[in-house]
Amino acid sequence: MKSMPEIHALGVFAHGALVALHALGIMFNLRRNNKTEAAMHTVAVGCSIYAVYTHVKEAQKDTNDAC
């Protein structure tokens, strides 16, 4: 089944929003000296950045296949 670029664009948007929110969580928890929670947010940011990369790569592959 061929994936649709629109779905990947939505995935990039959603994971980008999650990156921003987790970055706020990192700053908030570091300010309150809660390093464990900040570390958890850091891991979540890494996972979301990888998901953004995967969505972009798949969308580019779909675009190249359409030509």
Protein backbone atom coordinates (compact mmCIF):
# COMPACT_ATOMS: atom_id res chain seq x y z
CA MET A 1 0.00 0.00 0.00
CA LYS A 2 1.38 3.38 -1.02
CA SER A 3 1.52 5.98 1.74
CA MET A 4 0.11 9.43 1.08
CA PRO A 5 2.28 12.55 1.36
CA GLU A 6 -0.58 14.40 3.08
CA ILE A 7 -0.51 11.92 5.95
CA HIS A 8 3.22 12.44 6.34
CA ALA A 9 2.77 16.22 6.29
CA LEU A 10 0.26 15.86 9.12
CA GLY A 11 2.71 13.61 10.98
CA VAL A 12 5.47 16.21 10.62
CA PHE A 13 3.15 18.90 11.98
CA ALA A 14 1.99 16.78 14.93
CA HIS A 15 5.46 15.62 15.93
CA GLY A 16 6.82 19.14 15.47
CA ALA A 17 4.21 20.38 17.92
CA LEU A 18 5.21 17.63 20.35
CA VAL A 19 8.87 18.66 20.06
CA ALA A 20 7.92 22.23 20.96
CA LEU A 21 5.80 21.17 23.93
CA HIS A 22 8.43 18.80 25.27
CA ALA A 23 11.05 21.55 24.91
CA LEU A 24 8.85 23.71 27.12
CA GLY A 25 8.65 20.79 29.55
CA ILE A 26 12.44 20.55 29.62
CA MET A 27 12.82 24.25 30.40
CA PHE A 28 10.08 24.17 33.04
CA ASN A 29 11.53 21.15 34.82
CA LEU A 30 15.10 22.42 34.70
CA ARG A 31 13.94 25.70 36.19
CA ARG A 32 12.29 23.77 39.04
CA ASN A 33 15.45 21.62 39.38
CA ASN A 34 13.57 18.45 38.44
CA LYS A 35 16.27 16.76 36.38
CA THR A 36 14.56 13.36 36.10
CA GLU A 37 11.48 14.79 34.41
CA ALA A 38 13.65 16.99 32.19
CA ALA A 39 15.56 13.89 31.08
CA MET A 40 12.28 12.14 30.23
CA HIS A 41 11.21 15.11 28.12
CA THR A 42 14.61 15.04 26.40
CA VAL A 43 14.11 11.41 25.40
CA ALA A 44 10.62 12.23 24.12
CA VAL A 45 12.06 15.09 22.03
CA GLY A 46 14.56 12.69 20.51
CA CYS A 47 11.83 10.23 19.60
CA SER A 48 9.69 12.94 18.03
CA ILE A 49 12.63 14.33 16.05
CA TYR A 50 13.28 10.85 14.68
CA ALA A 51 9.59 10.55 13.77
CA VAL A 52 9.74 13.91 11.94
CA TYR A 53 12.80 12.69 10.03
CA THR A 54 11.01 9.47 9.08
CA HIS A 55 7.89 11.31 7.90
CA VAL A 56 9.94 13.73 5.80
CA LYS A 57 11.92 10.87 4.25
CA GLU A 58 8.74 8.95 3.39
CA ALA A 59 7.06 12.05 1.95
CA GLN A 60 10.09 12.72 -0.26
CA LYS A 61 10.11 9.12 -1.41
CA ASP A 62 6.41 9.36 -2.33
CA THR A 63 7.00 12.64 -4.17
CA ASN A 64 9.92 11.16 -6.14
CA ASP A 65 7.87 8.09 -7.05
CA ALA A 66 5.04 10.26 -8.42
CA CYS A 67 7.32 11.94 -11.00
